[in-house]
């Protein structure tokens, strides 16, 4: 039992040593943390306008679907048409307001 432990320990030390040698060249490729954060900020700012446009498009699709559902309820004479219309209209307004507030909040 002791011989197996010694072999495993020796093998583990070899693996640890060689994996450490493989990591040494990567230290020269490391970048400054501030440069990485600045690059991430620029990329997110680039995607932000696209995301806001996507939210506007989703709001438009939700508005069209809501208008169709409210129209069908209204033609069927259902009594809760006003409640459904307010819910669909509110969800559309929420999407548009969130996109606009996020743009103004982050100054983009």
PDB file of N, CA and C in Angstrom:
ATOM      1  N   UNK A   1       0.821  -1.193   0.000  1.00  0.00           N
ATOM      2  CA  UNK A   1       0.000   0.000   0.000  1.00  0.00           C
ATOM      3  C   UNK A   1       0.862   1.253   0.000  1.00  0.00           C
ATOM      4  N   UNK A   2       1.953   1.207   0.734  1.00  0.00           N
ATOM      5  CA  UNK A   2       2.820   2.364   0.810  1.00  0.00           C
ATOM      6  C   UNK A   2       3.509   2.634  -0.528  1.00  0.00           C
ATOM      7  N   UNK A   3       3.815   1.605  -1.285  1.00  0.00           N
ATOM      8  CA  UNK A   3       4.464   1.752  -2.580  1.00  0.00           C
ATOM      9  C   UNK A   3       3.542   2.436  -3.583  1.00  0.00           C
ATOM     10  N   UNK A   4       2.247   2.116  -3.540  1.00  0.00           N
ATOM     11  CA  UNK A   4       1.276   2.746  -4.447  1.00  0.00           C
ATOM     12  C   UNK A   4       1.150   4.217  -4.111  1.00  0.00           C
ATOM     13  N   UNK A   5       1.148   4.555  -2.841  1.00  0.00           N
ATOM     14  CA  UNK A   5       1.045   5.957  -2.422  1.00  0.00           C
ATOM     15  C   UNK A   5       2.254   6.752  -2.906  1.00  0.00           C
ATOM     16  N   UNK A   6       3.424   6.150  -2.819  1.00  0.00           N
ATOM     17  CA  UNK A   6       4.639   6.832  -3.268  1.00  0.00           C
ATOM     18  C   UNK A   6       4.617   7.044  -4.774  1.00  0.00           C
ATOM     19  N   UNK A   7       4.133   6.049  -5.516  1.00  0.00           N
ATOM     20  CA  UNK A   7       4.061   6.176  -6.982  1.00  0.00           C
ATOM     21  C   UNK A   7       3.062   7.255  -7.365  1.00  0.00           C
ATOM     22  N   UNK A   8       1.889   7.266  -6.710  1.00  0.00           N
ATOM     23  CA  UNK A   8       0.880   8.273  -7.014  1.00  0.00           C
ATOM     24  C   UNK A   8       1.362   9.668  -6.654  1.00  0.00           C
ATOM     25  N   UNK A   9       2.079   9.787  -5.552  1.00  0.00           N
ATOM     26  CA  UNK A   9       2.590  11.086  -5.144  1.00  0.00           C
ATOM     27  C   UNK A   9       3.630  11.579  -6.138  1.00  0.00           C
ATOM     28  N   UNK A  10       4.520  10.681  -6.568  1.00  0.00           N
ATOM     29  CA  UNK A  10       5.545  11.057  -7.533  1.00  0.00           C
ATOM     30  C   UNK A  10       4.905  11.441  -8.861  1.00  0.00           C
ATOM     31  N   UNK A  11       3.908  10.690  -9.285  1.00  0.00           N
ATOM     32  CA  UNK A  11       3.214  10.993 -10.539  1.00  0.00           C
ATOM     33  C   UNK A  11       2.487  12.332 -10.446  1.00  0.00           C
ATOM     34  N   UNK A  12       1.855  12.607  -9.313  1.00  0.00           N
ATOM     35  CA  UNK A  12       1.161  13.873  -9.106  1.00  0.00           C
ATOM     36  C   UNK A  12       2.116  15.051  -9.137  1.00  0.00           C
ATOM     37  N   UNK A  13       3.306  14.881  -8.554  1.00  0.00           N
ATOM     38  CA  UNK A  13       4.299  15.954  -8.580  1.00  0.00           C
ATOM     39  C   UNK A  13       4.774  16.226 -10.001  1.00  0.00           C
ATOM     40  N   UNK A  14       4.942  15.180 -10.785  1.00  0.00           N
ATOM     41  CA  UNK A  14       5.363  15.357 -12.171  1.00  0.00           C
ATOM     42  C   UNK A  14       4.305  16.118 -12.972  1.00  0.00           C
ATOM     43  N   UNK A  15       3.045  15.731 -12.788  1.00  0.00           N
ATOM     44  CA  UNK A  15       1.953  16.404 -13.501  1.00  0.00           C
ATOM     45  C   UNK A  15       1.882  17.868 -13.087  1.00  0.00           C
ATOM     46  N   UNK A  16       2.004  18.139 -11.816  1.00  0.00           N
ATOM     47  CA  UNK A  16       1.961  19.509 -11.327  1.00  0.00           C
ATOM     48  C   UNK A  16       3.125  20.328 -11.880  1.00  0.00           C
ATOM     49  N   UNK A  17       4.316  19.747 -11.932  1.00  0.00           N
ATOM     50  CA  UNK A  17       5.484  20.445 -12.449  1.00  0.00           C
ATOM     51  C   UNK A  17       5.323  20.771 -13.928  1.00  0.00           C
ATOM     52  N   UNK A  18       4.911  19.798 -14.725  1.00  0.00           N
ATOM     53  CA  UNK A  18       4.782  20.030 -16.161  1.00  0.00           C
ATOM     54  C   UNK A  18       3.614  20.956 -16.499  1.00  0.00           C
ATOM     55  N   UNK A  19       2.538  20.898 -15.735  1.00  0.00           N
ATOM     56  CA  UNK A  19       1.443  21.844 -15.989  1.00  0.00           C
ATOM     57  C   UNK A  19       1.877  23.259 -15.614  1.00  0.00           C
ATOM     58  N   UNK A  20       2.716  23.403 -14.597  1.00  0.00           N
ATOM     59  CA  UNK A  20       3.266  24.713 -14.257  1.00  0.00           C
ATOM     60  C   UNK A  20       4.166  25.243 -15.360  1.00  0.00           C
ATOM     61  N   UNK A  21       4.957  24.352 -15.973  1.00  0.00           N
ATOM     62  CA  UNK A  21       5.805  24.768 -17.092  1.00  0.00           C
ATOM     63  C   UNK A  21       4.974  25.211 -18.292  1.00  0.00           C
ATOM     64  N   UNK A  22       3.823  24.603 -18.482  1.00  0.00           N
ATOM     65  CA  UNK A  22       2.960  25.003 -19.591  1.00  0.00           C
ATOM     66  C   UNK A  22       2.330  26.365 -19.354  1.00  0.00           C
ATOM     67  N   UNK A  23       2.151  26.754 -18.109  1.00  0.00           N
ATOM     68  CA  UNK A  23       1.523  28.038 -17.790  1.00  0.00           C
ATOM     69  C   UNK A  23       2.484  29.215 -17.879  1.00  0.00           C
ATOM     70  N   UNK A  24       3.785  28.979 -17.800  1.00  0.00           N
ATOM     71  CA  UNK A  24       4.764  30.064 -17.802  1.00  0.00           C
ATOM     72  C   UNK A  24       4.665  30.933 -19.055  1.00  0.00           C
ATOM     73  N   UNK A  25       4.550  30.384 -20.275  1.00  0.00           N
ATOM     74  CA  UNK A  25       4.437  31.260 -21.448  1.00  0.00           C
ATOM     75  C   UNK A  25       3.173  32.117 -21.445  1.00  0.00           C
ATOM     76  N   UNK A  26       2.128  31.666 -20.783  1.00  0.00           N
ATOM     77  CA  UNK A  26       0.882  32.430 -20.750  1.00  0.00           C
ATOM     78  C   UNK A  26       1.008  33.700 -19.913  1.00  0.00           C
ATOM     79  N   UNK A  27       1.950  33.753 -19.000  1.00  0.00           N
ATOM     80  CA  UNK A  27       2.126  34.943 -18.179  1.00  0.00           C
ATOM     81  C   UNK A  27       2.525  36.138 -19.031  1.00  0.00           C
ATOM     82  N   UNK A  28       3.271  35.907 -20.090  1.00  0.00           N
ATOM     83  CA  UNK A  28       3.656  36.991 -20.986  1.00  0.00           C
ATOM     84  C   UNK A  28       2.505  37.498 -21.823  1.00  0.00           C
ATOM     85  N   UNK A  29       1.452  36.702 -21.987  1.00  0.00           N
ATOM     86  CA  UNK A  29       0.300  37.103 -22.784  1.00  0.00           C
ATOM     87  C   UNK A  29      -0.764  37.819 -21.957  1.00  0.00           C
ATOM     88  N   UNK A  30      -0.592  37.888 -20.661  1.00  0.00           N
ATOM     89  CA  UNK A  30      -1.588  38.526 -19.806  1.00  0.00           C
ATOM     90  C   UNK A  30      -1.665  40.015 -20.116  1.00  0.00           C
ATOM     91  N   UNK A  31      -2.897  40.554 -20.081  1.00  0.00           N
ATOM     92  CA  UNK A  31      -3.110  41.973 -20.362  1.00  0.00           C
ATOM     93  C   UNK A  31      -3.371  42.724 -19.073  1.00  0.00           C
ATOM     94  N   UNK A  32      -3.322  44.031 -19.215  1.00  0.00           N
ATOM     95  CA  UNK A  32      -3.657  44.897 -18.097  1.00  0.00           C
ATOM     96  C   UNK A  32      -5.151  44.774 -17.817  1.00  0.00           C
ATOM     97  N   UNK A  33      -5.542  44.731 -16.558  1.00  0.00           N
ATOM     98  CA  UNK A  33      -6.955  44.595 -16.204  1.00  0.00           C
ATOM     99  C   UNK A  33      -7.796  45.765 -16.670  1.00  0.00           C
ATOM    100  N   UNK A  34      -7.248  46.963 -16.605  1.00  0.00           N
ATOM    101  CA  UNK A  34      -7.995  48.147 -17.036  1.00  0.00           C
ATOM    102  C   UNK A  34      -8.275  48.113 -18.528  1.00  0.00           C
ATOM    103  N   UNK A  35      -7.321  47.640 -19.304  1.00  0.00           N
ATOM    104  CA  UNK A  35      -7.530  47.555 -20.748  1.00  0.00           C
ATOM    105  C   UNK A  35      -8.641  46.560 -21.071  1.00  0.00           C
ATOM    106  N   UNK A  36      -8.687  45.465 -20.346  1.00  0.00           N
ATOM    107  CA  UNK A  36      -9.740  44.472 -20.567  1.00  0.00           C
ATOM    108  C   UNK A  36     -11.114  45.011 -20.214  1.00  0.00           C
ATOM    109  N   UNK A  37     -11.205  45.738 -19.115  1.00  0.00           N
ATOM    110  CA  UNK A  37     -12.486  46.320 -18.703  1.00  0.00           C
ATOM    111  C   UNK A  37     -12.933  47.377 -19.708  1.00  0.00           C
ATOM    112  N   UNK A  38     -11.998  48.185 -20.197  1.00  0.00           N
ATOM    113  CA  UNK A  38     -12.344  49.207 -21.195  1.00  0.00           C
ATOM    114  C   UNK A  38     -12.835  48.564 -22.486  1.00  0.00           C
ATOM    115  N   UNK A  39     -12.191  47.477 -22.897  1.00  0.00           N
ATOM    116  CA  UNK A  39     -12.618  46.776 -24.113  1.00  0.00           C
ATOM    117  C   UNK A  39     -14.018  46.181 -23.935  1.00  0.00           C
ATOM    118  N   UNK A  40     -14.280  45.593 -22.771  1.00  0.00           N
ATOM    119  CA  UNK A  40     -15.610  45.038 -22.502  1.00  0.00           C
ATOM    120  C   UNK A  40     -16.664  46.139 -22.496  1.00  0.00           C
ATOM    121  N   UNK A  41     -16.342  47.293 -21.930  1.00  0.00           N
ATOM    122  CA  UNK A  41     -17.284  48.415 -21.902  1.00  0.00           C
ATOM    123  C   UNK A  41     -17.612  48.883 -23.306  1.00  0.00           C
ATOM    124  N   UNK A  42     -16.600  48.993 -24.157  1.00  0.00           N
ATOM    125  CA  UNK A  42     -16.842  49.418 -25.538  1.00  0.00           C
ATOM    126  C   UNK A  42     -17.690  48.417 -26.307  1.00  0.00           C
ATOM    127  N   UNK A  43     -17.460  47.138 -26.074  1.00  0.00           N
ATOM    128  CA  UNK A  43     -18.265  46.125 -26.776  1.00  0.00           C
ATOM    129  C   UNK A  43     -19.723  46.154 -26.311  1.00  0.00           C
ATOM    130  N   UNK A  44     -19.923  46.320 -25.010  1.00  0.00           N
ATOM    131  CA  UNK A  44     -21.296  46.368 -24.501  1.00  0.00           C
ATOM    132  C   UNK A  44     -22.016  47.599 -25.024  1.00  0.00           C
ATOM    133  N   UNK A  45     -21.317  48.734 -25.091  1.00  0.00           N
ATOM    134  CA  UNK A  45     -21.930  49.938 -25.649  1.00  0.00           C
ATOM    135  C   UNK A  45     -22.319  49.728 -27.102  1.00  0.00           C
ATOM    136  N   UNK A  46     -21.537  48.957 -27.829  1.00  0.00           N
ATOM    137  CA  UNK A  46     -21.853  48.663 -29.221  1.00  0.00           C
ATOM    138  C   UNK A  46     -23.106  47.810 -29.357  1.00  0.00           C
ATOM    139  N   UNK A  47     -23.321  46.904 -28.420  1.00  0.00           N
ATOM    140  CA  UNK A  47     -24.498  46.027 -28.472  1.00  0.00           C
ATOM    141  C   UNK A  47     -25.740  46.681 -27.887  1.00  0.00           C
ATOM    142  N   UNK A  48     -25.569  47.760 -27.142  1.00  0.00           N
ATOM    143  CA  UNK A  48     -26.680  48.338 -26.402  1.00  0.00           C
ATOM    144  C   UNK A  48     -27.748  48.906 -27.334  1.00  0.00           C
ATOM    145  N   UNK A  49     -27.335  49.609 -28.385  1.00  0.00           N
ATOM    146  CA  UNK A  49     -28.309  50.164 -29.330  1.00  0.00           C
ATOM    147  C   UNK A  49     -29.090  49.059 -30.026  1.00  0.00           C
ATOM    148  N   UNK A  50     -28.402  47.990 -30.374  1.00  0.00           N
ATOM    149  CA  UNK A  50     -29.082  46.859 -31.003  1.00  0.00           C
ATOM    150  C   UNK A  50     -30.091  46.238 -30.043  1.00  0.00           C
ATOM    151  N   UNK A  51     -29.719  46.117 -28.777  1.00  0.00           N
ATOM    152  CA  UNK A  51     -30.634  45.565 -27.775  1.00  0.00           C
ATOM    153  C   UNK A  51     -31.860  46.442 -27.578  1.00  0.00           C
ATOM    154  N   UNK A  52     -31.667  47.759 -27.580  1.00  0.00           N
ATOM    155  CA  UNK A  52     -32.812  48.671 -27.437  1.00  0.00           C
ATOM    156  C   UNK A  52     -33.724  48.593 -28.658  1.00  0.00           C
ATOM    157  N   UNK A  53     -33.136  48.509 -29.841  1.00  0.00           N
ATOM    158  CA  UNK A  53     -33.954  48.342 -31.044  1.00  0.00           C
ATOM    159  C   UNK A  53     -34.730  47.031 -31.003  1.00  0.00           C
ATOM    160  N   UNK A  54     -34.098  45.988 -30.470  1.00  0.00           N
ATOM    161  CA  UNK A  54     -34.786  44.706 -30.321  1.00  0.00           C
ATOM    162  C   UNK A  54     -35.948  44.830 -29.347  1.00  0.00           C
ATOM    163  N   UNK A  55     -35.773  45.583 -28.267  1.00  0.00           N
ATOM    164  CA  UNK A  55     -36.872  45.782 -27.317  1.00  0.00           C
ATOM    165  C   UNK A  55     -38.025  46.553 -27.954  1.00  0.00           C
ATOM    166  N   UNK A  56     -37.707  47.548 -28.791  1.00  0.00           N
ATOM    167  CA  UNK A  56     -38.755  48.275 -29.502  1.00  0.00           C
ATOM    168  C   UNK A  56     -39.511  47.339 -30.447  1.00  0.00           C
ATOM    169  N   UNK A  57     -38.782  46.471 -31.137  1.00  0.00           N
ATOM    170  CA  UNK A  57     -39.423  45.531 -32.063  1.00  0.00           C
ATOM    171  C   UNK A  57     -40.315  44.540 -31.307  1.00  0.00           C
ATOM    172  N   UNK A  58     -39.834  44.046 -30.173  1.00  0.00           N
ATOM    173  CA  UNK A  58     -40.652  43.131 -29.365  1.00  0.00           C
ATOM    174  C   UNK A  58     -41.899  43.846 -28.869  1.00  0.00           C
ATOM    175  N   UNK A  59     -41.754  45.126 -28.474  1.00  0.00           N
ATOM    176  CA  UNK A  59     -42.918  45.912 -28.049  1.00  0.00           C
ATOM    177  C   UNK A  59     -43.935  46.068 -29.165  1.00  0.00           C
ATOM    178  N   UNK A  60     -43.453  46.257 -30.395  1.00  0.00           N
ATOM    179  CA  UNK A  60     -44.371  46.384 -31.530  1.00  0.00           C
ATOM    180  C   UNK A  60     -45.116  45.074 -31.785  1.00  0.00           C
ATOM    181  N   UNK A  61     -44.402  43.949 -31.721  1.00  0.00           N
ATOM    182  CA  UNK A  61     -45.047  42.652 -31.938  1.00  0.00           C
ATOM    183  C   UNK A  61     -46.054  42.369 -30.830  1.00  0.00           C
ATOM    184  N   UNK A  62     -45.690  42.661 -29.595  1.00  0.00           N
ATOM    185  CA  UNK A  62     -46.622  42.460 -28.475  1.00  0.00           C
ATOM    186  C   UNK A  62     -47.848  43.355 -28.645  1.00  0.00           C
ATOM    187  N   UNK A  63     -47.647  44.573 -29.130  1.00  0.00           N
ATOM    188  CA  UNK A  63     -48.776  45.477 -29.365  1.00  0.00           C
ATOM    189  C   UNK A  63     -49.726  44.959 -30.428  1.00  0.00           C
ATOM    190  N   UNK A  64     -49.182  44.407 -31.499  1.00  0.00           N
ATOM    191  CA  UNK A  64     -50.030  43.863 -32.573  1.00  0.00           C
ATOM    192  C   UNK A  64     -50.802  42.650 -32.073  1.00  0.00           C
ATOM    193  N   UNK A  65     -50.126  41.762 -31.369  1.00  0.00           N
ATOM    194  CA  UNK A  65     -50.816  40.576 -30.828  1.00  0.00           C
ATOM    195  C   UNK A  65     -51.894  41.002 -29.840  1.00  0.00           C
ATOM    196  N   UNK A  66     -51.567  41.960 -28.977  1.00  0.00           N
ATOM    197  CA  UNK A  66     -52.554  42.445 -28.011  1.00  0.00           C
ATOM    198  C   UNK A  66     -53.744  43.090 -28.685  1.00  0.00           C
ATOM    199  N   UNK A  67     -53.499  43.865 -29.754  1.00  0.00           N
ATOM    200  CA  UNK A  67     -54.609  44.498 -30.464  1.00  0.00           C
ATOM    201  C   UNK A  67     -55.533  43.459 -31.074  1.00  0.00           C
ATOM    202  N   UNK A  68     -54.971  42.402 -31.615  1.00  0.00           N
ATOM    203  CA  UNK A  68     -55.797  41.329 -32.203  1.00  0.00           C
ATOM    204  C   UNK A  68     -56.619  40.631 -31.121  1.00  0.00           C
ATOM    205  N   UNK A  69     -55.986  40.324 -29.986  1.00  0.00           N
ATOM    206  CA  UNK A  69     -56.719  39.653 -28.901  1.00  0.00           C
ATOM    207  C   UNK A  69     -57.835  40.542 -28.345  1.00  0.00           C
ATOM    208  N   UNK A  70     -57.540  41.829 -28.169  1.00  0.00           N
ATOM    209  CA  UNK A  70     -58.566  42.742 -27.649  1.00  0.00           C
ATOM    210  C   UNK A  70     -59.697  42.887 -28.657  1.00  0.00           C
ATOM    211  N   UNK A  71     -59.365  42.969 -29.947  1.00  0.00           N
ATOM    212  CA  UNK A  71     -60.389  43.079 -30.975  1.00  0.00           C
ATOM    213  C   UNK A  71     -61.296  41.851 -30.978  1.00  0.00           C
ATOM    214  N   UNK A  72     -60.701  40.666 -30.844  1.00  0.00           N
ATOM    215  CA  UNK A  72     -61.505  39.431 -30.805  1.00  0.00           C
ATOM    216  C   UNK A  72     -62.413  39.398 -29.574  1.00  0.00           C
ATOM    217  N   UNK A  73     -61.907  39.814 -28.424  1.00  0.00           N
ATOM    218  CA  UNK A  73     -62.739  39.845 -27.215  1.00  0.00           C
ATOM    219  C   UNK A  73     -63.861  40.867 -27.345  1.00  0.00           C
ATOM    220  N   UNK A  74     -63.534  41.995 -27.949  1.00  0.00           N
ATOM    221  CA  UNK A  74     -64.528  43.052 -28.111  1.00  0.00           C
ATOM    222  C   UNK A  74     -65.650  42.602 -29.040  1.00  0.00           C
ATOM    223  N   UNK A  75     -65.288  41.926 -30.140  1.00  0.00           N
ATOM    224  CA  UNK A  75     -66.303  41.433 -31.071  1.00  0.00           C
ATOM    225  C   UNK A  75     -67.136  40.308 -30.458  1.00  0.00           C
ATOM    226  N   UNK A  76     -66.530  39.540 -29.553  1.00  0.00           N
ATOM    227  CA  UNK A  76     -67.270  38.460 -28.900  1.00  0.00           C
ATOM    228  C   UNK A  76     -68.169  38.991 -27.789  1.00  0.00           C
ATOM    229  N   UNK A  77     -67.987  40.250 -27.409  1.00  0.00           N
ATOM    230  CA  UNK A  77     -68.830  40.842 -26.383  1.00  0.00           C
ATOM    231  C   UNK A  77     -68.468  40.419 -24.975  1.00  0.00           C
ATOM    232  N   UNK A  78     -67.243  40.051 -24.758  1.00  0.00           N
ATOM    233  CA  UNK A  78     -66.825  39.619 -23.420  1.00  0.00           C
ATOM    234  C   UNK A  78     -66.718  40.833 -22.499  1.00  0.00           C
ATOM    235  N   UNK A  79     -67.070  40.666 -21.227  1.00  0.00           N
ATOM    236  CA  UNK A  79     -67.121  41.817 -20.312  1.00  0.00           C
ATOM    237  C   UNK A  79     -65.741  42.304 -19.825  1.00  0.00           C
ATOM    238  N   UNK A  80     -64.712  41.485 -19.913  1.00  0.00           N
ATOM    239  CA  UNK A  80     -63.408  41.894 -19.368  1.00  0.00           C
ATOM    240  C   UNK A  80     -62.479  42.464 -20.443  1.00  0.00           C
ATOM    241  N   UNK A  81     -63.047  43.033 -21.496  1.00  0.00           N
ATOM    242  CA  UNK A  81     -62.245  43.564 -22.596  1.00  0.00           C
ATOM    243  C   UNK A  81     -61.366  44.728 -22.140  1.00  0.00           C
ATOM    244  N   UNK A  82     -61.900  45.603 -21.299  1.00  0.00           N
ATOM    245  CA  UNK A  82     -61.122  46.756 -20.832  1.00  0.00           C
ATOM    246  C   UNK A  82     -59.894  46.324 -20.027  1.00  0.00           C
ATOM    247  N   UNK A  83     -60.063  45.302 -19.197  1.00  0.00           N
ATOM    248  CA  UNK A  83     -58.949  44.811 -18.388  1.00  0.00           C
ATOM    249  C   UNK A  83     -57.856  44.211 -19.272  1.00  0.00           C
ATOM    250  N   UNK A  84     -58.240  43.447 -20.267  1.00  0.00           N
ATOM    251  CA  UNK A  84     -57.270  42.832 -21.177  1.00  0.00           C
ATOM    252  C   UNK A  84     -56.578  43.901 -22.010  1.00  0.00           C
ATOM    253  N   UNK A  85     -57.329  44.899 -22.464  1.00  0.00           N
ATOM    254  CA  UNK A  85     -56.733  45.981 -23.251  1.00  0.00           C
ATOM    255  C   UNK A  85     -55.718  46.759 -22.421  1.00  0.00           C
ATOM    256  N   UNK A  86     -56.038  47.031 -21.187  1.00  0.00           N
ATOM    257  CA  UNK A  86     -55.110  47.756 -20.312  1.00  0.00           C
ATOM    258  C   UNK A  86     -53.842  46.940 -20.061  1.00  0.00           C
ATOM    259  N   UNK A  87     -53.971  45.629 -19.894  1.00  0.00           N
ATOM    260  CA  UNK A  87     -52.803  44.779 -19.650  1.00  0.00           C
ATOM    261  C   UNK A  87     -51.878  44.740 -20.861  1.00  0.00           C
ATOM    262  N   UNK A  88     -52.421  44.548 -22.046  1.00  0.00           N
ATOM    263  CA  UNK A  88     -51.591  44.499 -23.252  1.00  0.00           C
ATOM    264  C   UNK A  88     -50.965  45.857 -23.546  1.00  0.00           C
ATOM    265  N   UNK A  89     -51.728  46.918 -23.390  1.00  0.00           N
ATOM    266  CA  UNK A  89     -51.202  48.254 -23.638  1.00  0.00           C
ATOM    267  C   UNK A  89     -50.097  48.591 -22.624  1.00  0.00           C
ATOM    268  N   UNK A  90     -50.318  48.207 -21.383  1.00  0.00           N
ATOM    269  CA  UNK A  90     -49.312  48.438 -20.345  1.00  0.00           C
ATOM    270  C   UNK A  90     -48.018  47.698 -20.609  1.00  0.00           C
ATOM    271  N   UNK A  91     -48.107  46.476 -21.119  1.00  0.00           N
ATOM    272  CA  UNK A  91     -46.883  45.727 -21.408  1.00  0.00           C
ATOM    273  C   UNK A  91     -46.100  46.364 -22.550  1.00  0.00           C
ATOM    274  N   UNK A  92     -46.794  46.887 -23.549  1.00  0.00           N
ATOM    275  CA  UNK A  92     -46.111  47.569 -24.658  1.00  0.00           C
ATOM    276  C   UNK A  92     -45.430  48.840 -24.164  1.00  0.00           C
ATOM    277  N   UNK A  93     -46.127  49.618 -23.373  1.00  0.00           N
ATOM    278  CA  UNK A  93     -45.561  50.850 -22.841  1.00  0.00           C
ATOM    279  C   UNK A  93     -44.363  50.544 -21.945  1.00  0.00           C
ATOM    280  N   UNK A  94     -44.465  49.477 -21.159  1.00  0.00           N
ATOM    281  CA  UNK A  94     -43.365  49.096 -20.284  1.00  0.00           C
ATOM    282  C   UNK A  94     -42.093  48.798 -21.078  1.00  0.00           C
ATOM    283  N   UNK A  95     -42.209  48.032 -22.158  1.00  0.00           N
ATOM    284  CA  UNK A  95     -41.030  47.707 -22.958  1.00  0.00           C
ATOM    285  C   UNK A  95     -40.390  48.955 -23.557  1.00  0.00           C
ATOM    286  N   UNK A  96     -41.199  49.861 -24.062  1.00  0.00           N
ATOM    287  CA  UNK A  96     -40.663  51.080 -24.671  1.00  0.00           C
ATOM    288  C   UNK A  96     -40.024  51.975 -23.617  1.00  0.00           C
ATOM    289  N   UNK A  97     -40.671  52.113 -22.472  1.00  0.00           N
ATOM    290  CA  UNK A  97     -40.139  52.969 -21.409  1.00  0.00           C
ATOM    291  C   UNK A  97     -38.835  52.394 -20.843  1.00  0.00           C
ATOM    292  N   UNK A  98     -38.775  51.091 -20.665  1.00  0.00           N
ATOM    293  CA  UNK A  98     -37.556  50.479 -20.133  1.00  0.00           C
ATOM    294  C   UNK A  98     -36.382  50.723 -21.077  1.00  0.00           C
ATOM    295  N   UNK A  99     -36.594  50.532 -22.372  1.00  0.00           N
ATOM    296  CA  UNK A  99     -35.510  50.763 -23.339  1.00  0.00           C
ATOM    297  C   UNK A  99     -35.066  52.219 -23.306  1.00  0.00           C
ATOM    298  N   UNK A 100     -35.999  53.139 -23.253  1.00  0.00           N
ATOM    299  CA  UNK A 100     -35.659  54.561 -23.243  1.00  0.00           C
ATOM    300  C   UNK A 100     -34.964  54.970 -21.951  1.00  0.00           C
ATOM    301  N   UNK A 101     -35.453  54.485 -20.818  1.00  0.00           N
ATOM    302  CA  UNK A 101     -34.844  54.825 -19.527  1.00  0.00           C
ATOM    303  C   UNK A 101     -33.444  54.261 -19.429  1.00  0.00           C
ATOM    304  N   UNK A 102     -33.233  53.030 -19.913  1.00  0.00           N
ATOM    305  CA  UNK A 102     -31.895  52.459 -19.873  1.00  0.00           C
ATOM    306  C   UNK A 102     -30.913  53.269 -20.712  1.00  0.00           C
ATOM    307  N   UNK A 103     -31.364  53.721 -21.876  1.00  0.00           N
ATOM    308  CA  UNK A 103     -30.483  54.557 -22.716  1.00  0.00           C
ATOM    309  C   UNK A 103     -30.117  55.838 -21.995  1.00  0.00           C
ATOM    310  N   UNK A 104     -31.075  56.506 -21.389  1.00  0.00           N
ATOM    311  CA  UNK A 104     -30.781  57.771 -20.730  1.00  0.00           C
ATOM    312  C   UNK A 104     -30.017  57.551 -19.409  1.00  0.00           C
ATOM    313  N   UNK A 105     -30.280  56.451 -18.728  1.00  0.00           N
ATOM    314  CA  UNK A 105     -29.607  56.179 -17.457  1.00  0.00           C
ATOM    315  C   UNK A 105     -28.108  55.932 -17.656  1.00  0.00           C
ATOM    316  N   UNK A 106     -27.773  55.155 -18.685  1.00  0.00           N
ATOM    317  CA  UNK A 106     -26.374  54.857 -18.944  1.00  0.00           C
ATOM    318  C   UNK A 106     -25.708  55.882 -19.848  1.00  0.00           C
ATOM    319  N   UNK A 107     -26.446  56.858 -20.324  1.00  0.00           N
ATOM    320  CA  UNK A 107     -25.859  57.918 -21.134  1.00  0.00           C
ATOM    321  C   UNK A 107     -25.368  57.470 -22.486  1.00  0.00           C
ATOM    322  N   UNK A 108     -26.083  56.547 -23.070  1.00  0.00           N
ATOM    323  CA  UNK A 108     -25.665  56.006 -24.376  1.00  0.00           C
ATOM    324  C   UNK A 108     -26.555  56.568 -25.459  1.00  0.00           C
TER     325      UNK A 108
END
